[in-house]
Amino acid sequence: MATDNNSNSNSKSHRPDLSPLMVTSLTCDLYGLHVQSYEELESYGDRNYHVIVDAQNVSNYFLGEVCPDGYVLKVLNSEDSMNVAAVKTKDEVVEHVHTEGFPTARLVPTVTGHLSRLCSLHTANGKQRYGVIARDDVIKYAVRLLEYIPGTVLSAVPLTPRLSFQVGSFAARLDGILQGFDNKNSVDLSTNWSMENLPFVRQLLYVINDVSTKRVCSDVIDAFETEVITNKDKKTFRRGIVHTDFNPNNILVHPTAATTQNPPSFPTSSAAASSKTLYPSSTSPSFTSSSSSSSSSGEKWDVSAVLDFGDACETYVFLEAAIAMSHLMLDCPPGCDPDELAGHTLAGYLSQIKLSRTEVELLPIAICARLCQLVVCGNHTLTMDPGNRDYVLAYVTPALRHLLRSWGRPRDVRLSKWKDVAERWKVKFPE
C-alpha cells in the first residue's frame, strides 16, 4: 500500500493508468516476453497484471525457464517510484528472501539484466507511450516483473486459530530472514505506511469529516508518538527490516493436503532457522466464541506464500506483529472476539521470535496506530483515486469499526486475553 504525501496530488500522477497496448509493450520490450492474455489484479496503490506469455517466443538471455503460471507485471505508484535507491534496495530484499528459501514471488530480470526499470508514461498523438530513459517533463513509474504464484488470498477464506497462528509464525520467520539482509548503503526504505511516520498522518486528518473520529485519530497519533517514537527505552527495542504490510491480500493459502506435502524450505544456515513448525497440528485451539462452520471450513487451508515487499522498511521489529494482528482483525469471523483472533497471531509470532514484556505491552497502542493509518490514509486515497473505491473501503470500513472499539478497551484486558491464548498454544508469553 502507498499514499502520496502531497494532498494536492492528482490521482493520475499517483496510481498509473495503463492501456492494453502499454501492458503488452512493457512486457515485450523490457522482458522479451510476448503476452497472449492478461487480467488486472486488485491493488491498493500500484497496478498489477497477471500476464500469460508465449513460452515459444522468448528473447531474454537472463530469464531461464518460462514460468508456466505466467507473471505479474507490477507498475509502482509515482511516489514510491521517485525513490530510485529504495526501489533498487527492495529488489535486493526480495532476492535475499527468495534465496533464503522463503516462499515468495521471484523477480524476473529485464533483457538488460535489471530487476526493475524506471519508465516515463506519456500520451502522444492520442496513444500512450513510454520511455526507458525517464524524461523530466513526465511522471515516472518503476516497473517490475515477478513469477506468478498460484493460490488463494487469505482474505478469501474463513480465518481460524490455525491460520491466524500461521500468519504470526510466517511473519516472525520472515523477520528473522530479513535480519540477515545487508542494507549496505543504509538506504532509507520508509514510506508513508511506515509506522514511525505516523505523525505525518496528522496532515491528512482534514479528510475525516466526523469530529469524534478525527479526535480519536488525533489521540491515537499523540499516544503512539509518546509511547513508541519518543519512548525512553526505545534503544532496547530490536530494530530491523520488516515486511510492514502483512495483510490477508498479501498472503496466499493452499489446501492443507497440498501444503503439507510440500512445506516451505528454510535452510538450516539461515539466521531464521528453527525447529519449531509453521504448521500446527490439526488439534489447534479453537475460537472460544466462533461459529463451528467457520472453524471447520478454515481448517482446510494453510499459509503457503507471502507477497509484495513494496513497503518493507527498517523499524522496530515488534511493530510487524502489531501490523499482522491488526490486519487479521479486519477479517475477523462473525461471533469471534477480534482480540482473541489477534492473540492467535501473536502466539504464532512469539513461537518464532521472543519479544520483551515492554514490546508486548506496546502492541495495543501499535494496533490502534495501524488502524488509524488505514482509516486516515484510506480516506485520503479515496480523494485521489475514487475509481478504486471498493477495494480501499474494504480496508477503511472495518478499520474504523475496530479502531473505535480497540481505543476504548483497557490494555490489561487485551494482554490478559493474549496471554491466555498463548498458553493454550503452549507458547511462552513475556512476563
Protein backbone atom coordinates (compact mmCIF):
# COMPACT_ATOMS: atom_id res chain seq x y z
CA MET A 1 0.00 0.00 0.00
CA ALA A 2 1.11 3.55 -0.56
CA THR A 3 -0.17 7.05 -0.33
CA ASP A 4 1.04 10.35 -1.71
CA ASN A 5 2.39 12.91 0.73
CA ASN A 6 1.10 15.83 -1.32
CA SER A 7 -2.52 16.50 -0.51
CA ASN A 8 -2.96 18.35 -3.79
CA SER A 9 -1.72 15.48 -5.91
CA ASN A 10 -3.70 14.48 -8.96
CA SER A 11 -4.83 10.86 -8.81
CA LYS A 12 -3.39 10.19 -12.26
CA SER A 13 0.04 11.24 -11.04
CA HIS A 14 -0.17 8.68 -8.26
CA ARG A 15 -1.64 5.39 -9.48
CA PRO A 16 -0.69 4.73 -13.11
CA ASP A 17 -3.26 4.21 -15.83
CA LEU A 18 -2.09 1.71 -18.45
CA SER A 19 -3.70 0.96 -21.79
CA PRO A 20 -3.82 -2.67 -23.01
CA LEU A 21 -1.12 -1.84 -25.55
CA MET A 22 1.10 -0.49 -22.78
CA VAL A 23 0.79 -3.70 -20.74
CA THR A 24 1.86 -5.83 -23.69
CA SER A 25 4.56 -3.37 -24.81
CA LEU A 26 6.22 -3.13 -21.41
CA THR A 27 6.24 -6.92 -21.02
CA CYS A 28 7.66 -7.44 -24.52
CA ASP A 29 10.18 -4.61 -24.71
CA LEU A 30 11.52 -4.79 -21.15
CA TYR A 31 11.37 -8.55 -20.61
CA GLY A 32 11.37 -10.13 -24.07
CA LEU A 33 8.07 -11.89 -23.43
CA HIS A 34 5.07 -11.83 -25.75
CA VAL A 35 1.73 -11.55 -23.95
CA GLN A 36 -1.04 -13.93 -25.02
CA SER A 37 -3.55 -12.72 -22.43
CA TYR A 38 -3.69 -10.74 -19.22
CA GLU A 39 -6.02 -9.64 -16.44
CA GLU A 40 -5.64 -6.84 -13.93
CA LEU A 41 -5.33 -7.85 -10.29
CA GLU A 42 -6.66 -5.78 -7.39
CA SER A 43 -4.15 -3.41 -5.83
CA TYR A 44 -4.23 -0.54 -3.34
CA GLY A 45 -1.81 1.94 -4.88
CA ASP A 46 0.03 0.24 -7.76
CA ARG A 47 -1.09 -1.58 -10.91
CA ASN A 48 -0.69 -5.36 -11.09
CA TYR A 49 -1.37 -7.51 -14.16
CA HIS A 50 -1.31 -11.29 -14.40
CA VAL A 51 0.15 -11.93 -17.84
CA ILE A 52 0.26 -15.23 -19.72
CA VAL A 53 3.08 -15.35 -22.27
CA ASP A 54 4.10 -17.37 -25.30
CA ALA A 55 6.68 -19.84 -23.98
CA GLN A 56 7.95 -20.44 -27.53
CA ASN A 57 8.67 -16.78 -28.25
CA VAL A 58 11.17 -15.51 -25.68
CA SER A 59 14.00 -13.03 -26.15
CA ASN A 60 15.62 -12.70 -22.72
CA TYR A 61 19.07 -14.11 -22.05
CA PHE A 62 18.63 -13.71 -18.27
CA LEU A 63 15.25 -15.43 -17.98
CA GLY A 64 15.91 -19.16 -17.81
CA GLU A 65 12.76 -21.29 -17.93
CA VAL A 66 9.41 -19.62 -18.61
CA CYS A 67 7.08 -19.72 -15.61
CA PRO A 68 4.13 -21.96 -16.65
CA ASP A 69 1.71 -19.99 -14.47
CA GLY A 70 2.61 -16.66 -16.01
CA TYR A 71 3.92 -13.47 -14.44
CA VAL A 72 2.80 -10.38 -12.57
CA LEU A 73 3.67 -7.10 -14.25
CA LYS A 74 3.84 -4.57 -11.43
CA VAL A 75 3.90 -0.82 -12.10
CA LEU A 76 4.53 1.13 -8.91
CA ASN A 77 2.77 4.36 -7.98
CA SER A 78 4.57 7.57 -8.83
CA GLU A 79 5.67 8.47 -5.30
CA ASP A 80 7.30 5.14 -4.45
CA SER A 81 8.92 5.20 -7.90
CA MET A 82 10.63 8.50 -7.11
CA ASN A 83 12.93 6.90 -4.54
CA VAL A 84 15.14 5.05 -7.00
CA ALA A 85 17.60 3.86 -4.36
CA ALA A 86 14.78 2.39 -2.27
CA VAL A 87 13.28 0.63 -5.30
CA LYS A 88 16.64 -0.99 -6.07
CA THR A 89 17.23 -1.97 -2.44
CA LYS A 90 13.78 -3.55 -2.16
CA ASP A 91 14.58 -5.55 -5.30
CA GLU A 92 17.59 -6.85 -3.36
CA VAL A 93 15.37 -7.57 -0.34
CA VAL A 94 13.10 -9.78 -2.46
CA GLU A 95 16.13 -11.55 -3.93
CA HIS A 96 17.53 -12.16 -0.44
CA VAL A 97 14.24 -13.56 0.88
CA HIS A 98 13.80 -15.83 -2.15
CA THR A 99 17.38 -17.07 -1.92
CA GLU A 100 16.85 -17.98 1.73
CA GLY A 101 14.02 -20.31 0.67
CA PHE A 102 11.10 -18.29 1.99
CA PRO A 103 8.02 -18.77 -0.23
CA THR A 104 7.57 -15.55 -2.18
CA ALA A 105 7.45 -14.48 -5.83
CA ARG A 106 10.78 -14.36 -7.68
CA LEU A 107 11.79 -11.23 -9.57
CA VAL A 108 12.43 -11.62 -13.30
CA PRO A 109 15.36 -9.71 -14.83
CA THR A 110 14.82 -7.41 -17.79
CA VAL A 111 16.53 -8.08 -21.11
CA THR A 112 19.37 -5.89 -19.82
CA GLY A 113 19.67 -7.79 -16.54
CA HIS A 114 17.97 -5.23 -14.27
CA LEU A 115 15.45 -6.29 -11.61
CA SER A 116 13.34 -3.18 -12.22
CA ARG A 117 13.27 -0.26 -14.64
CA LEU A 118 12.12 3.33 -14.29
CA CYS A 119 9.90 4.39 -17.16
CA SER A 120 8.07 7.53 -18.17
CA LEU A 121 4.49 7.23 -19.38
CA HIS A 122 3.05 9.88 -21.66
CA THR A 123 0.47 10.32 -24.37
CA ALA A 124 1.43 11.40 -27.89
CA ASN A 125 -0.86 11.61 -30.91
CA GLY A 126 -3.62 10.03 -28.87
CA LYS A 127 -1.56 6.94 -28.00
CA GLN A 128 0.06 6.05 -24.70
CA ARG A 129 3.82 5.66 -24.94
CA TYR A 130 6.68 5.05 -22.56
CA GLY A 131 10.36 5.83 -22.39
CA VAL A 132 13.01 3.75 -20.63
CA ILE A 133 15.07 6.92 -20.23
CA ALA A 134 12.68 8.78 -17.93
CA ARG A 135 12.01 12.29 -19.21
CA ASP A 136 11.91 15.18 -16.74
CA ASP A 137 8.59 16.50 -18.05
CA VAL A 138 6.56 13.35 -17.44
CA ILE A 139 5.68 11.20 -14.44
CA LYS A 140 7.96 8.25 -13.77
CA TYR A 141 6.98 4.75 -12.71
CA ALA A 142 9.11 1.80 -11.61
CA VAL A 143 8.28 -1.47 -13.38
CA ARG A 144 8.89 -4.99 -12.08
CA LEU A 145 8.01 -8.47 -13.32
CA LEU A 146 7.55 -11.35 -10.88
CA GLU A 147 6.74 -15.01 -11.32
CA TYR A 148 3.07 -15.67 -10.63
CA ILE A 149 2.38 -17.98 -7.69
CA PRO A 150 -0.95 -19.84 -7.91
CA GLY A 151 -3.02 -19.79 -4.78
CA THR A 152 -5.89 -18.21 -2.92
CA VAL A 153 -5.50 -14.98 -0.96
CA LEU A 154 -6.11 -15.39 2.75
CA SER A 155 -8.87 -12.79 2.64
CA ALA A 156 -10.96 -15.21 0.54
CA VAL A 157 -11.14 -18.00 3.14
CA PRO A 158 -12.52 -18.10 6.70
CA LEU A 159 -9.97 -17.27 9.39
CA THR A 160 -9.37 -19.85 12.10
CA PRO A 161 -6.97 -20.08 15.07
CA ARG A 162 -4.72 -22.34 12.99
CA LEU A 163 -4.46 -19.86 10.12
CA SER A 164 -4.09 -16.91 12.47
CA PHE A 165 -1.24 -18.69 14.27
CA GLN A 166 0.43 -19.48 10.95
CA VAL A 167 0.28 -15.84 9.85
CA GLY A 168 2.12 -14.83 13.02
CA SER A 169 4.73 -17.56 12.65
CA PHE A 170 5.31 -16.74 8.97
CA ALA A 171 5.70 -13.05 9.83
CA ALA A 172 8.25 -13.84 12.51
CA ARG A 173 10.13 -16.32 10.32
CA LEU A 174 10.32 -13.72 7.56
CA ASP A 175 11.53 -11.08 10.01
CA GLY A 176 14.26 -13.46 11.10
CA ILE A 177 15.39 -13.93 7.50
CA LEU A 178 15.35 -10.18 6.91
CA GLN A 179 17.72 -9.72 9.85
CA GLY A 180 20.34 -11.25 7.58
CA PHE A 181 19.84 -8.67 4.82
CA ASP A 182 22.67 -6.15 4.47
CA ASN A 183 21.37 -2.70 3.59
CA LYS A 184 24.94 -1.82 2.75
CA ASN A 185 24.25 1.73 1.65
CA SER A 186 21.86 2.46 4.56
CA VAL A 187 19.12 3.42 2.10
CA ASP A 188 16.01 4.91 3.69
CA LEU A 189 13.26 2.44 2.75
CA SER A 190 10.43 4.12 4.64
CA THR A 191 7.14 5.10 3.03
CA ASN A 192 4.11 6.89 4.38
CA TRP A 193 2.89 3.47 5.55
CA SER A 194 5.95 3.05 7.79
CA MET A 195 4.54 3.24 11.30
CA GLU A 196 7.25 5.53 12.60
CA ASN A 197 5.92 8.05 10.08
CA LEU A 198 2.51 8.04 11.78
CA PRO A 199 2.85 11.71 12.90
CA PHE A 200 2.68 12.61 9.19
CA VAL A 201 -0.93 11.38 9.21
CA ARG A 202 -1.87 14.49 11.18
CA GLN A 203 -1.52 16.43 7.91
CA LEU A 204 -4.26 14.26 6.39
CA LEU A 205 -6.83 14.49 9.18
CA TYR A 206 -8.73 17.07 7.13
CA VAL A 207 -10.18 14.17 5.08
CA ILE A 208 -12.05 12.88 8.16
CA ASN A 209 -15.39 14.67 8.40
CA ASP A 210 -16.70 13.11 11.60
CA VAL A 211 -15.48 15.17 14.56
CA SER A 212 -15.37 12.30 17.07
CA THR A 213 -13.47 10.03 14.66
CA LYS A 214 -11.00 12.81 13.96
CA ARG A 215 -10.48 13.29 17.70
CA VAL A 216 -9.83 9.58 18.24
CA CYS A 217 -7.31 9.51 15.39
CA SER A 218 -5.54 12.55 16.78
CA ASP A 219 -5.39 11.00 20.25
CA VAL A 220 -4.01 7.74 18.83
CA ILE A 221 -1.26 9.60 16.96
CA ASP A 222 -0.33 11.53 20.12
CA ALA A 223 -0.24 8.35 22.21
CA PHE A 224 1.83 6.42 19.67
CA GLU A 225 4.31 9.27 19.39
CA THR A 226 4.68 9.42 23.17
CA GLU A 227 4.70 5.70 23.96
CA VAL A 228 6.68 4.39 20.98
CA ILE A 229 8.51 7.03 18.94
CA THR A 230 9.84 9.01 21.91
CA ASN A 231 9.88 6.14 24.43
CA LYS A 232 12.88 6.50 26.75
CA ASP A 233 13.53 2.75 26.46
CA LYS A 234 13.31 2.60 22.67
CA LYS A 235 17.02 1.80 22.37
CA THR A 236 16.22 -1.58 23.89
CA PHE A 237 13.67 -2.37 21.16
CA ARG A 238 15.03 -4.59 18.43
CA ARG A 239 15.22 -2.89 15.02
CA GLY A 240 15.44 -4.47 11.60
CA ILE A 241 13.93 -4.59 8.14
CA VAL A 242 10.40 -5.98 8.21
CA HIS A 243 7.67 -6.56 5.62
CA THR A 244 5.31 -3.89 7.08
CA ASP A 245 2.25 -4.97 5.04
CA PHE A 246 1.35 -8.39 6.41
CA ASN A 247 -2.29 -8.29 5.38
CA PRO A 248 -4.58 -11.08 4.07
CA ASN A 249 -4.39 -9.79 0.48
CA ASN A 250 -0.61 -10.30 0.52
CA ILE A 251 -0.80 -13.81 1.97
CA LEU A 252 -1.51 -16.90 -0.14
CA VAL A 253 -3.03 -20.11 1.16
CA HIS A 254 -3.29 -23.58 -0.35
CA PRO A 255 -5.46 -26.55 0.62
CA THR A 256 -3.93 -28.22 3.67
CA ALA A 257 -3.19 -31.53 1.93
CA ALA A 258 -1.23 -29.80 -0.85
CA THR A 259 0.73 -27.64 1.58
CA THR A 260 1.71 -30.42 3.95
CA GLN A 261 3.13 -32.42 1.05
CA ASN A 262 5.38 -29.54 0.02
CA PRO A 263 6.10 -27.31 3.04
CA PRO A 264 8.32 -24.26 2.54
CA SER A 265 12.01 -24.99 2.94
CA PHE A 266 14.21 -22.88 5.20
CA PRO A 267 17.95 -23.65 5.02
CA THR A 268 19.46 -24.52 8.40
CA SER A 269 22.18 -21.94 7.74
CA SER A 270 19.59 -19.16 7.82
CA ALA A 271 19.51 -16.85 10.80
CA ALA A 272 15.81 -17.60 10.94
CA ALA A 273 16.13 -21.39 11.04
CA SER A 274 14.08 -23.00 13.76
CA SER A 275 12.94 -26.45 14.70
CA LYS A 276 9.51 -25.10 15.55
CA THR A 277 6.84 -25.88 13.00
CA LEU A 278 4.99 -23.30 10.94
CA TYR A 279 2.09 -25.74 10.55
CA PRO A 280 0.42 -26.53 13.89
CA SER A 281 -1.34 -29.83 14.35
CA SER A 282 -5.00 -30.24 13.49
CA THR A 283 -5.75 -30.24 17.23
CA SER A 284 -5.02 -26.50 17.46
CA PRO A 285 -7.14 -24.37 19.83
CA SER A 286 -10.50 -23.14 18.61
CA PHE A 287 -12.10 -19.73 18.93
CA THR A 288 -13.97 -19.66 22.21
CA SER A 289 -16.85 -17.77 20.59
CA SER A 290 -16.68 -18.55 16.88
CA SER A 291 -19.27 -20.40 14.84
CA SER A 292 -18.48 -24.04 14.18
CA SER A 293 -18.99 -23.61 10.45
CA SER A 294 -16.24 -21.02 10.04
CA SER A 295 -13.82 -23.02 12.17
CA SER A 296 -14.26 -26.29 10.33
CA SER A 297 -14.06 -24.83 6.81
CA GLY A 298 -10.96 -22.80 7.59
CA GLU A 299 -9.02 -25.83 8.76
CA LYS A 300 -8.74 -26.90 5.11
CA TRP A 301 -6.15 -24.20 4.41
CA ASP A 302 -2.52 -23.47 5.21
CA VAL A 303 -0.44 -20.36 4.56
CA SER A 304 1.80 -21.02 1.55
CA ALA A 305 3.42 -17.73 0.45
CA VAL A 306 3.80 -14.02 1.23
CA LEU A 307 3.80 -11.33 -1.46
CA ASP A 308 4.60 -7.64 -2.00
CA PHE A 309 7.65 -6.15 -0.30
CA GLY A 310 6.86 -2.65 -1.54
CA ASP A 311 6.50 -1.25 2.00
CA ALA A 312 9.43 -3.12 3.55
CA CYS A 313 11.45 -0.80 5.77
CA GLU A 314 13.67 -0.66 8.83
CA THR A 315 11.71 -0.15 12.04
CA TYR A 316 11.03 -1.75 15.42
CA VAL A 317 10.53 -5.46 14.84
CA PHE A 318 7.60 -5.76 17.27
CA LEU A 319 5.58 -3.46 15.02
CA GLU A 320 5.43 -6.29 12.45
CA ALA A 321 3.43 -8.33 14.93
CA ALA A 322 1.09 -5.36 15.51
CA ILE A 323 0.55 -4.93 11.77
CA ALA A 324 -0.25 -8.60 11.22
CA MET A 325 -2.59 -8.65 14.23
CA SER A 326 -4.47 -5.50 13.19
CA HIS A 327 -4.95 -6.62 9.58
CA LEU A 328 -6.32 -10.01 10.58
CA MET A 329 -8.75 -8.29 12.92
CA LEU A 330 -10.32 -6.68 9.84
CA ASP A 331 -11.33 -10.15 8.60
CA CYS A 332 -12.49 -11.42 11.99
CA PRO A 333 -15.21 -14.09 11.56
CA PRO A 334 -18.72 -13.31 12.84
CA GLY A 335 -19.08 -14.08 16.53
CA CYS A 336 -15.34 -14.14 17.18
CA ASP A 337 -13.61 -11.77 19.59
CA PRO A 338 -11.12 -9.73 17.48
CA ASP A 339 -8.68 -9.60 20.40
CA GLU A 340 -8.74 -13.38 20.68
CA LEU A 341 -8.04 -13.71 16.97
CA ALA A 342 -5.14 -11.26 17.32
CA GLY A 343 -3.92 -13.36 20.23
CA HIS A 344 -3.56 -16.41 18.00
CA THR A 345 -1.48 -14.33 15.58
CA LEU A 346 0.71 -13.08 18.41
CA ALA A 347 1.14 -16.62 19.72
CA GLY A 348 2.40 -17.67 16.29
CA TYR A 349 4.83 -14.75 16.22
CA LEU A 350 6.12 -15.50 19.73
CA SER A 351 6.63 -19.15 18.78
CA GLN A 352 9.44 -17.97 16.47
CA ILE A 353 10.71 -14.66 17.88
CA LYS A 354 10.92 -13.52 21.51
CA LEU A 355 9.59 -10.08 22.39
CA SER A 356 10.22 -8.25 25.64
CA ARG A 357 7.43 -7.51 28.09
CA THR A 358 7.66 -3.82 27.22
CA GLU A 359 7.35 -4.52 23.50
CA VAL A 360 4.26 -6.68 24.06
CA GLU A 361 2.70 -4.02 26.29
CA LEU A 362 3.06 -1.55 23.40
CA LEU A 363 1.17 -3.77 20.96
CA PRO A 364 -2.31 -2.41 21.87
CA ILE A 365 -1.35 1.19 21.01
CA ALA A 366 0.57 -0.01 17.94
CA ILE A 367 -2.52 -1.85 16.70
CA CYS A 368 -4.61 1.28 17.15
CA ALA A 369 -1.94 3.24 15.31
CA ARG A 370 -2.09 0.89 12.33
CA LEU A 371 -5.89 1.04 12.27
CA CYS A 372 -5.64 4.83 12.39
CA GLN A 373 -3.30 4.74 9.37
CA LEU A 374 -5.77 2.61 7.47
CA VAL A 375 -8.67 4.95 8.24
CA VAL A 376 -6.95 8.28 7.51
CA CYS A 377 -4.69 7.27 4.64
CA GLY A 378 -7.51 5.24 3.13
CA ASN A 379 -9.85 8.22 3.12
CA HIS A 380 -7.08 10.33 1.61
CA THR A 381 -6.53 7.74 -1.11
CA LEU A 382 -10.24 7.86 -1.95
CA THR A 383 -9.95 11.59 -2.68
CA MET A 384 -7.07 10.88 -5.08
CA ASP A 385 -8.29 7.67 -6.70
CA PRO A 386 -12.10 7.37 -6.40
CA GLY A 387 -12.09 4.69 -9.09
CA ASN A 388 -10.54 2.26 -6.59
CA ARG A 389 -13.24 2.96 -4.01
CA ASP A 390 -14.50 -0.58 -3.36
CA TYR A 391 -11.03 -2.01 -2.77
CA VAL A 392 -9.93 0.80 -0.46
CA LEU A 393 -13.19 0.78 1.52
CA ALA A 394 -12.64 -2.93 2.21
CA TYR A 395 -9.81 -1.72 4.47
CA VAL A 396 -11.25 1.57 5.71
CA THR A 397 -14.69 0.43 6.89
CA PRO A 398 -13.64 -2.43 9.21
CA ALA A 399 -10.54 -0.50 10.32
CA LEU A 400 -12.72 2.33 11.62
CA ARG A 401 -15.01 -0.10 13.43
CA HIS A 402 -12.11 -1.88 15.14
CA LEU A 403 -10.28 1.37 15.90
CA LEU A 404 -13.24 2.80 17.81
CA ARG A 405 -13.67 -0.48 19.66
CA SER A 406 -9.98 -1.03 20.43
CA TRP A 407 -9.20 2.51 21.55
CA GLY A 408 -11.62 2.29 24.44
CA ARG A 409 -10.60 -1.17 25.64
CA PRO A 410 -8.28 -1.42 28.68
CA ARG A 411 -4.77 -2.56 27.83
CA ASP A 412 -4.56 -5.09 30.66
CA VAL A 413 -7.73 -6.81 29.42
CA ARG A 414 -6.21 -7.33 25.99
CA LEU A 415 -2.87 -8.50 27.38
CA SER A 416 -4.64 -10.99 29.64
CA LYS A 417 -6.58 -12.33 26.66
CA TRP A 418 -3.40 -12.71 24.61
CA LYS A 419 -1.58 -14.46 27.44
CA ASP A 420 -4.44 -16.94 27.79
CA VAL A 421 -4.37 -17.70 24.06
CA ALA A 422 -0.57 -18.14 24.07
CA GLU A 423 -0.84 -20.61 26.96
CA ARG A 424 -3.40 -22.62 25.00
CA TRP A 425 -0.80 -22.89 22.23
CA LYS A 426 1.85 -23.74 24.88
CA VAL A 427 3.82 -20.64 23.81
CA LYS A 428 5.67 -18.67 26.48
CA PHE A 429 4.24 -15.19 26.99
CA PRO A 430 6.66 -12.44 28.12
CA GLU A 431 6.44 -11.75 31.86
